PDB file of N, CA and C in Angstrom:
ATOM      1  N   UNK A   1     -25.967 -15.305  -1.845  1.00  0.00           N
ATOM      2  CA  UNK A   1     -25.083 -14.673  -1.043  1.00  0.00           C
ATOM      3  C   UNK A   1     -25.308 -14.014   0.154  1.00  0.00           C
ATOM      4  N   UNK A   2     -25.109 -14.284   0.900  1.00  0.00           N
ATOM      5  CA  UNK A   2     -25.828 -12.998   1.896  1.00  0.00           C
ATOM      6  C   UNK A   2     -25.199 -11.420   2.436  1.00  0.00           C
ATOM      7  N   UNK A   3     -25.832 -10.463   1.784  1.00  0.00           N
ATOM      8  CA  UNK A   3     -25.842  -9.366   2.467  1.00  0.00           C
ATOM      9  C   UNK A   3     -25.137  -8.446   3.565  1.00  0.00           C
ATOM     10  N   UNK A   4     -23.657  -8.565   3.239  1.00  0.00           N
ATOM     11  CA  UNK A   4     -22.538  -7.362   3.951  1.00  0.00           C
ATOM     12  C   UNK A   4     -22.989  -6.736   3.656  1.00  0.00           C
ATOM     13  N   UNK A   5     -23.294  -6.092   5.302  1.00  0.00           N
ATOM     14  CA  UNK A   5     -23.886  -4.547   5.812  1.00  0.00           C
ATOM     15  C   UNK A   5     -22.289  -3.683   5.358  1.00  0.00           C
ATOM     16  N   UNK A   6     -21.004  -4.099   5.943  1.00  0.00           N
ATOM     17  CA  UNK A   6     -19.707  -3.592   6.010  1.00  0.00           C
ATOM     18  C   UNK A   6     -19.885  -2.638   4.263  1.00  0.00           C
ATOM     19  N   UNK A   7     -20.121  -4.127   2.977  1.00  0.00           N
ATOM     20  CA  UNK A   7     -19.985  -3.625   1.938  1.00  0.00           C
ATOM     21  C   UNK A   7     -20.945  -2.985   1.326  1.00  0.00           C
ATOM     22  N   UNK A   8     -22.180  -2.969   1.793  1.00  0.00           N
ATOM     23  CA  UNK A   8     -23.257  -2.241   1.498  1.00  0.00           C
ATOM     24  C   UNK A   8     -23.353  -0.149   1.926  1.00  0.00           C
ATOM     25  N   UNK A   9     -22.426  -0.319   3.283  1.00  0.00           N
ATOM     26  CA  UNK A   9     -22.376   1.429   3.820  1.00  0.00           C
ATOM     27  C   UNK A   9     -20.874   1.691   2.820  1.00  0.00           C
ATOM     28  N   UNK A  10     -19.651   0.998   2.846  1.00  0.00           N
ATOM     29  CA  UNK A  10     -19.060   1.373   1.760  1.00  0.00           C
ATOM     30  C   UNK A  10     -19.546   1.523   0.243  1.00  0.00           C
ATOM     31  N   UNK A  11     -20.636   0.818  -0.334  1.00  0.00           N
ATOM     32  CA  UNK A  11     -20.700   0.986  -1.932  1.00  0.00           C
ATOM     33  C   UNK A  11     -21.787   2.290  -2.227  1.00  0.00           C
ATOM     34  N   UNK A  12     -22.584   2.474  -0.497  1.00  0.00           N
ATOM     35  CA  UNK A  12     -23.468   3.716  -0.480  1.00  0.00           C
ATOM     36  C   UNK A  12     -22.628   4.900  -0.159  1.00  0.00           C
ATOM     37  N   UNK A  13     -21.392   4.894   0.986  1.00  0.00           N
ATOM     38  CA  UNK A  13     -19.997   5.689   0.736  1.00  0.00           C
ATOM     39  C   UNK A  13     -20.068   6.605  -0.106  1.00  0.00           C
ATOM     40  N   UNK A  14     -19.421   5.429  -1.348  1.00  0.00           N
ATOM     41  CA  UNK A  14     -18.793   5.818  -2.285  1.00  0.00           C
ATOM     42  C   UNK A  14     -20.217   6.528  -3.468  1.00  0.00           C
ATOM     43  N   UNK A  15     -20.901   6.039  -3.614  1.00  0.00           N
ATOM     44  CA  UNK A  15     -22.369   6.249  -4.405  1.00  0.00           C
ATOM     45  C   UNK A  15     -22.202   7.593  -3.952  1.00  0.00           C
ATOM     46  N   UNK A  16     -22.935   7.851  -3.014  1.00  0.00           N
ATOM     47  CA  UNK A  16     -22.635   9.821  -2.711  1.00  0.00           C
ATOM     48  C   UNK A  16     -21.668  10.775  -2.591  1.00  0.00           C
ATOM     49  N   UNK A  17     -20.430  10.185  -2.539  1.00  0.00           N
ATOM     50  CA  UNK A  17     -19.365  11.004  -3.026  1.00  0.00           C
ATOM     51  C   UNK A  17     -19.162  11.058  -4.510  1.00  0.00           C
ATOM     52  N   UNK A  18     -19.947  10.404  -5.029  1.00  0.00           N
ATOM     53  CA  UNK A  18     -19.843  10.580  -6.714  1.00  0.00           C
ATOM     54  C   UNK A  18     -21.253  11.173  -6.796  1.00  0.00           C
ATOM     55  N   UNK A  19     -21.571  10.975  -6.270  1.00  0.00           N
ATOM     56  CA  UNK A  19     -23.649  11.998  -6.891  1.00  0.00           C
ATOM     57  C   UNK A  19     -23.129  13.028  -6.793  1.00  0.00           C
ATOM     58  N   UNK A  20     -22.279  13.478  -5.460  1.00  0.00           N
ATOM     59  CA  UNK A  20     -21.918  15.140  -4.791  1.00  0.00           C
ATOM     60  C   UNK A  20     -21.116  15.988  -6.069  1.00  0.00           C
ATOM     61  N   UNK A  21     -20.048  14.852  -6.901  1.00  0.00           N
ATOM     62  CA  UNK A  21     -19.651  15.403  -7.687  1.00  0.00           C
ATOM     63  C   UNK A  21     -19.658  14.780  -9.215  1.00  0.00           C
ATOM     64  N   UNK A  22     -21.243  14.578  -9.831  1.00  0.00           N
ATOM     65  CA  UNK A  22     -21.432  14.454 -10.912  1.00  0.00           C
ATOM     66  C   UNK A  22     -21.165  13.372 -11.238  1.00  0.00           C
ATOM     67  N   UNK A  23     -20.678  12.327 -10.628  1.00  0.00           N
ATOM     68  CA  UNK A  23     -20.047  11.403 -11.418  1.00  0.00           C
ATOM     69  C   UNK A  23     -18.970  11.830 -11.960  1.00  0.00           C
ATOM     70  N   UNK A  24     -18.094  13.045 -11.800  1.00  0.00           N
ATOM     71  CA  UNK A  24     -16.952  13.398 -12.396  1.00  0.00           C
ATOM     72  C   UNK A  24     -15.917  12.822 -12.276  1.00  0.00           C
ATOM     73  N   UNK A  25     -14.937  11.656 -12.283  1.00  0.00           N
ATOM     74  CA  UNK A  25     -13.742  11.271 -12.102  1.00  0.00           C
ATOM     75  C   UNK A  25     -13.074  12.066 -11.114  1.00  0.00           C
ATOM     76  N   UNK A  26     -12.479  13.212 -12.064  1.00  0.00           N
ATOM     77  CA  UNK A  26     -11.292  14.097 -12.118  1.00  0.00           C
ATOM     78  C   UNK A  26     -11.701  15.096 -10.730  1.00  0.00           C
ATOM     79  N   UNK A  27     -13.245  15.218 -11.064  1.00  0.00           N
ATOM     80  CA  UNK A  27     -13.694  15.872  -9.574  1.00  0.00           C
ATOM     81  C   UNK A  27     -13.357  15.339  -8.433  1.00  0.00           C
ATOM     82  N   UNK A  28     -13.782  14.193  -8.398  1.00  0.00           N
ATOM     83  CA  UNK A  28     -13.831  13.159  -7.423  1.00  0.00           C
ATOM     84  C   UNK A  28     -12.558  13.235  -6.855  1.00  0.00           C
ATOM     85  N   UNK A  29     -11.896  12.069  -7.647  1.00  0.00           N
ATOM     86  CA  UNK A  29      -9.685  12.616  -7.349  1.00  0.00           C
ATOM     87  C   UNK A  29      -9.329  14.010  -6.944  1.00  0.00           C
ATOM     88  N   UNK A  30     -10.043  14.741  -7.520  1.00  0.00           N
ATOM     89  CA  UNK A  30      -9.264  15.993  -6.901  1.00  0.00           C
ATOM     90  C   UNK A  30      -9.802  16.038  -5.151  1.00  0.00           C
ATOM     91  N   UNK A  31     -10.930  15.949  -5.322  1.00  0.00           N
ATOM     92  CA  UNK A  31     -11.855  16.373  -3.888  1.00  0.00           C
ATOM     93  C   UNK A  31     -11.484  15.014  -2.600  1.00  0.00           C
ATOM     94  N   UNK A  32     -10.960  13.900  -3.276  1.00  0.00           N
ATOM     95  CA  UNK A  32     -10.464  13.045  -2.180  1.00  0.00           C
ATOM     96  C   UNK A  32      -8.868  13.852  -1.915  1.00  0.00           C
ATOM     97  N   UNK A  33      -7.767  13.988  -2.953  1.00  0.00           N
ATOM     98  CA  UNK A  33      -6.701  14.548  -2.605  1.00  0.00           C
ATOM     99  C   UNK A  33      -6.908  15.590  -2.273  1.00  0.00           C
ATOM    100  N   UNK A  34      -7.697  16.524  -1.722  1.00  0.00           N
ATOM    101  CA  UNK A  34      -7.766  17.935  -1.402  1.00  0.00           C
ATOM    102  C   UNK A  34      -7.643  17.109   0.122  1.00  0.00           C
ATOM    103  N   UNK A  35      -8.820  16.221   0.509  1.00  0.00           N
ATOM    104  CA  UNK A  35      -8.856  16.183   1.936  1.00  0.00           C
ATOM    105  C   UNK A  35      -7.874  14.877   2.297  1.00  0.00           C
ATOM    106  N   UNK A  36      -7.410  14.447   1.748  1.00  0.00           N
ATOM    107  CA  UNK A  36      -6.035  13.478   2.136  1.00  0.00           C
ATOM    108  C   UNK A  36      -4.900  14.478   2.455  1.00  0.00           C
ATOM    109  N   UNK A  37      -5.069  15.910   1.844  1.00  0.00           N
ATOM    110  CA  UNK A  37      -3.773  16.917   2.249  1.00  0.00           C
ATOM    111  C   UNK A  37      -4.349  17.697   3.341  1.00  0.00           C
ATOM    112  N   UNK A  38      -5.370  17.703   3.932  1.00  0.00           N
ATOM    113  CA  UNK A  38      -5.946  19.190   5.095  1.00  0.00           C
ATOM    114  C   UNK A  38      -6.058  17.554   5.627  1.00  0.00           C
ATOM    115  N   UNK A  39      -5.926  16.018   6.006  1.00  0.00           N
ATOM    116  CA  UNK A  39      -5.911  15.316   6.888  1.00  0.00           C
ATOM    117  C   UNK A  39      -4.912  15.539   8.124  1.00  0.00           C
ATOM    118  N   UNK A  40      -3.919  15.890   7.684  1.00  0.00           N
ATOM    119  CA  UNK A  40      -2.817  16.194   8.675  1.00  0.00           C
ATOM    120  C   UNK A  40      -1.854  14.481   8.284  1.00  0.00           C
ATOM    121  N   UNK A  41      -2.161  13.726   8.015  1.00  0.00           N
ATOM    122  CA  UNK A  41      -1.503  12.562   8.089  1.00  0.00           C
ATOM    123  C   UNK A  41      -0.475  12.852   6.693  1.00  0.00           C
ATOM    124  N   UNK A  42       0.498  12.703   7.196  1.00  0.00           N
ATOM    125  CA  UNK A  42       1.908  12.306   6.484  1.00  0.00           C
ATOM    126  C   UNK A  42       2.088  11.237   5.115  1.00  0.00           C
ATOM    127  N   UNK A  43       2.253  11.813   3.912  1.00  0.00           N
ATOM    128  CA  UNK A  43       2.650  11.051   3.205  1.00  0.00           C
ATOM    129  C   UNK A  43       3.591  10.353   2.686  1.00  0.00           C
ATOM    130  N   UNK A  44       4.075   9.890   2.343  1.00  0.00           N
ATOM    131  CA  UNK A  44       5.201   8.888   1.256  1.00  0.00           C
ATOM    132  C   UNK A  44       5.096   8.513  -0.066  1.00  0.00           C
ATOM    133  N   UNK A  45       5.565   9.071  -0.614  1.00  0.00           N
ATOM    134  CA  UNK A  45       5.568   8.634  -2.184  1.00  0.00           C
ATOM    135  C   UNK A  45       5.951   7.332  -2.389  1.00  0.00           C
ATOM    136  N   UNK A  46       5.314   6.708  -3.481  1.00  0.00           N
ATOM    137  CA  UNK A  46       5.567   5.782  -4.046  1.00  0.00           C
ATOM    138  C   UNK A  46       7.176   5.740  -4.372  1.00  0.00           C
ATOM    139  N   UNK A  47       8.105   4.948  -4.662  1.00  0.00           N
ATOM    140  CA  UNK A  47       9.244   4.490  -5.699  1.00  0.00           C
ATOM    141  C   UNK A  47       9.417   3.495  -6.224  1.00  0.00           C
ATOM    142  N   UNK A  48       9.300   3.289  -7.204  1.00  0.00           N
ATOM    143  CA  UNK A  48       9.969   1.686  -7.516  1.00  0.00           C
ATOM    144  C   UNK A  48      11.316   1.548  -7.514  1.00  0.00           C
ATOM    145  N   UNK A  49      11.018   0.120  -6.751  1.00  0.00           N
ATOM    146  CA  UNK A  49      11.813  -1.098  -6.459  1.00  0.00           C
ATOM    147  C   UNK A  49      12.848  -1.481  -7.361  1.00  0.00           C
ATOM    148  N   UNK A  50      13.675  -2.274  -7.872  1.00  0.00           N
ATOM    149  CA  UNK A  50      14.022  -3.148  -8.429  1.00  0.00           C
ATOM    150  C   UNK A  50      14.243  -4.427  -7.565  1.00  0.00           C
ATOM    151  N   UNK A  51      14.277  -5.492  -7.618  1.00  0.00           N
ATOM    152  CA  UNK A  51      14.218  -6.227  -6.125  1.00  0.00           C
ATOM    153  C   UNK A  51      15.486  -7.471  -7.170  1.00  0.00           C
ATOM    154  N   UNK A  52      15.836  -8.016  -5.934  1.00  0.00           N
ATOM    155  CA  UNK A  52      17.588  -9.315  -6.536  1.00  0.00           C
ATOM    156  C   UNK A  52      17.161  -9.358  -7.526  1.00  0.00           C
ATOM    157  N   UNK A  53      15.828 -10.463  -7.544  1.00  0.00           N
ATOM    158  CA  UNK A  53      15.742 -11.503  -8.732  1.00  0.00           C
ATOM    159  C   UNK A  53      15.298 -11.031  -9.841  1.00  0.00           C
ATOM    160  N   UNK A  54      15.073  -9.159  -9.861  1.00  0.00           N
ATOM    161  CA  UNK A  54      15.027  -8.860 -11.318  1.00  0.00           C
ATOM    162  C   UNK A  54      16.183  -8.140 -11.689  1.00  0.00           C
ATOM    163  N   UNK A  55      17.437  -7.884 -11.089  1.00  0.00           N
ATOM    164  CA  UNK A  55      18.015  -7.090 -11.832  1.00  0.00           C
ATOM    165  C   UNK A  55      18.923  -7.640 -12.847  1.00  0.00           C
ATOM    166  N   UNK A  56      19.737  -6.506 -13.660  1.00  0.00           N
ATOM    167  CA  UNK A  56      20.497  -7.465 -14.669  1.00  0.00           C
ATOM    168  C   UNK A  56      21.197  -8.447 -14.669  1.00  0.00           C
ATOM    169  N   UNK A  57      21.313  -9.099 -13.771  1.00  0.00           N
ATOM    170  CA  UNK A  57      22.505 -10.066 -13.542  1.00  0.00           C
ATOM    171  C   UNK A  57      21.936 -10.950 -14.295  1.00  0.00           C
ATOM    172  N   UNK A  58      20.998 -11.285 -14.392  1.00  0.00           N
ATOM    173  CA  UNK A  58      20.207 -12.113 -15.302  1.00  0.00           C
ATOM    174  C   UNK A  58      20.085 -12.213 -16.104  1.00  0.00           C
ATOM    175  N   UNK A  59      20.383 -10.877 -16.891  1.00  0.00           N
ATOM    176  CA  UNK A  59      20.355 -10.936 -18.200  1.00  0.00           C
ATOM    177  C   UNK A  59      21.557 -11.282 -19.048  1.00  0.00           C
ATOM    178  N   UNK A  60      21.523 -12.035 -20.497  1.00  0.00           N
ATOM    179  CA  UNK A  60      23.217 -12.380 -20.892  1.00  0.00           C
ATOM    180  C   UNK A  60      23.917 -10.632 -21.131  1.00  0.00           C
ATOM    181  N   UNK A  61      25.266 -10.954 -20.911  1.00  0.00           N
ATOM    182  CA  UNK A  61      26.027  -9.747 -20.660  1.00  0.00           C
ATOM    183  C   UNK A  61      25.507  -9.190 -22.272  1.00  0.00           C
ATOM    184  N   UNK A  62      25.990  -9.720 -22.816  1.00  0.00           N
ATOM    185  CA  UNK A  62      25.591  -9.240 -24.795  1.00  0.00           C
ATOM    186  C   UNK A  62      24.540 -10.235 -25.293  1.00  0.00           C
ATOM    187  N   UNK A  63      24.009  -9.211 -26.675  1.00  0.00           N
ATOM    188  CA  UNK A  63      22.679 -10.081 -27.339  1.00  0.00           C
ATOM    189  C   UNK A  63      23.635 -11.590 -27.820  1.00  0.00           C
ATOM    190  N   UNK A  64      25.128 -11.160 -27.993  1.00  0.00           N
ATOM    191  CA  UNK A  64      25.564 -12.866 -28.371  1.00  0.00           C
ATOM    192  C   UNK A  64      25.767 -13.787 -27.778  1.00  0.00           C
ATOM    193  N   UNK A  65      25.768 -13.474 -26.281  1.00  0.00           N
ATOM    194  CA  UNK A  65      25.953 -14.801 -25.851  1.00  0.00           C
ATOM    195  C   UNK A  65      24.679 -14.832 -25.269  1.00  0.00           C
ATOM    196  N   UNK A  66      24.827 -16.188 -25.272  1.00  0.00           N
ATOM    197  CA  UNK A  66      23.516 -17.406 -24.411  1.00  0.00           C
ATOM    198  C   UNK A  66      22.977 -17.108 -22.735  1.00  0.00           C
ATOM    199  N   UNK A  67      22.098 -16.998 -22.544  1.00  0.00           N
ATOM    200  CA  UNK A  67      21.902 -17.007 -21.423  1.00  0.00           C
ATOM    201  C   UNK A  67      22.588 -18.476 -20.906  1.00  0.00           C
ATOM    202  N   UNK A  68      22.782 -18.486 -19.748  1.00  0.00           N
ATOM    203  CA  UNK A  68      23.103 -19.247 -18.927  1.00  0.00           C
ATOM    204  C   UNK A  68      21.995 -20.240 -18.639  1.00  0.00           C
ATOM    205  N   UNK A  69      21.654 -21.716 -18.403  1.00  0.00           N
ATOM    206  CA  UNK A  69      20.796 -22.302 -18.142  1.00  0.00           C
ATOM    207  C   UNK A  69      21.789 -23.583 -16.984  1.00  0.00           C
ATOM    208  N   UNK A  70      20.632 -23.098 -15.773  1.00  0.00           N
ATOM    209  CA  UNK A  70      20.713 -23.857 -15.092  1.00  0.00           C
ATOM    210  C   UNK A  70      22.383 -23.243 -13.997  1.00  0.00           C
ATOM    211  N   UNK A  71      23.273 -24.669 -13.142  1.00  0.00           N
ATOM    212  CA  UNK A  71      23.867 -24.771 -12.614  1.00  0.00           C
ATOM    213  C   UNK A  71      24.888 -26.099 -13.073  1.00  0.00           C
ATOM    214  N   UNK A  72      26.230 -26.454 -12.417  1.00  0.00           N
ATOM    215  CA  UNK A  72      26.734 -27.170 -12.113  1.00  0.00           C
ATOM    216  C   UNK A  72      26.227 -28.575 -12.023  1.00  0.00           C
ATOM    217  N   UNK A  73      25.524 -28.501 -10.486  1.00  0.00           N
ATOM    218  CA  UNK A  73      24.658 -29.253 -10.191  1.00  0.00           C
ATOM    219  C   UNK A  73      23.732 -29.783 -10.890  1.00  0.00           C
ATOM    220  N   UNK A  74      23.045 -29.057 -12.208  1.00  0.00           N
ATOM    221  CA  UNK A  74      22.111 -29.468 -12.464  1.00  0.00           C
ATOM    222  C   UNK A  74      22.575 -30.367 -13.797  1.00  0.00           C
ATOM    223  N   UNK A  75      23.657 -29.937 -13.926  1.00  0.00           N
ATOM    224  CA  UNK A  75      24.660 -30.648 -15.195  1.00  0.00           C
ATOM    225  C   UNK A  75      24.562 -32.161 -15.191  1.00  0.00           C
ATOM    226  N   UNK A  76      25.327 -32.438 -13.636  1.00  0.00           N
ATOM    227  CA  UNK A  76      25.751 -33.645 -12.952  1.00  0.00           C
ATOM    228  C   UNK A  76      23.860 -34.628 -12.989  1.00  0.00           C
ATOM    229  N   UNK A  77      22.855 -33.817 -12.617  1.00  0.00           N
ATOM    230  CA  UNK A  77      21.877 -33.992 -12.631  1.00  0.00           C
ATOM    231  C   UNK A  77      21.347 -35.055 -13.892  1.00  0.00           C
ATOM    232  N   UNK A  78      21.685 -34.355 -14.727  1.00  0.00           N
ATOM    233  CA  UNK A  78      21.319 -34.987 -16.524  1.00  0.00           C
ATOM    234  C   UNK A  78      22.206 -35.959 -16.913  1.00  0.00           C
ATOM    235  N   UNK A  79      23.143 -35.680 -16.378  1.00  0.00           N
ATOM    236  CA  UNK A  79      23.839 -37.122 -17.297  1.00  0.00           C
ATOM    237  C   UNK A  79      23.949 -38.034 -16.474  1.00  0.00           C
ATOM    238  N   UNK A  80      22.766 -38.423 -14.819  1.00  0.00           N
ATOM    239  CA  UNK A  80      22.862 -39.625 -14.456  1.00  0.00           C
ATOM    240  C   UNK A  80      21.533 -40.277 -15.109  1.00  0.00           C
TER     241      UNK A  80
END
């Protein structure tokens, strides 16, 4: 595999940051968080969203009711 100078540079920076904080992941994270906050770039919190295909409508209404399999068009195709 050919060496990639960009990957090598990123790894060298990562190692320098880790070494500066004694390879303590909590200290590294805190320093990077402070650095990000001091940068002045606004951050947007990530909020989990439900996608339409994962909503409860795909689930049966009650435990006794079996989930519907396929559509009416599928039923006709099976009868052929």
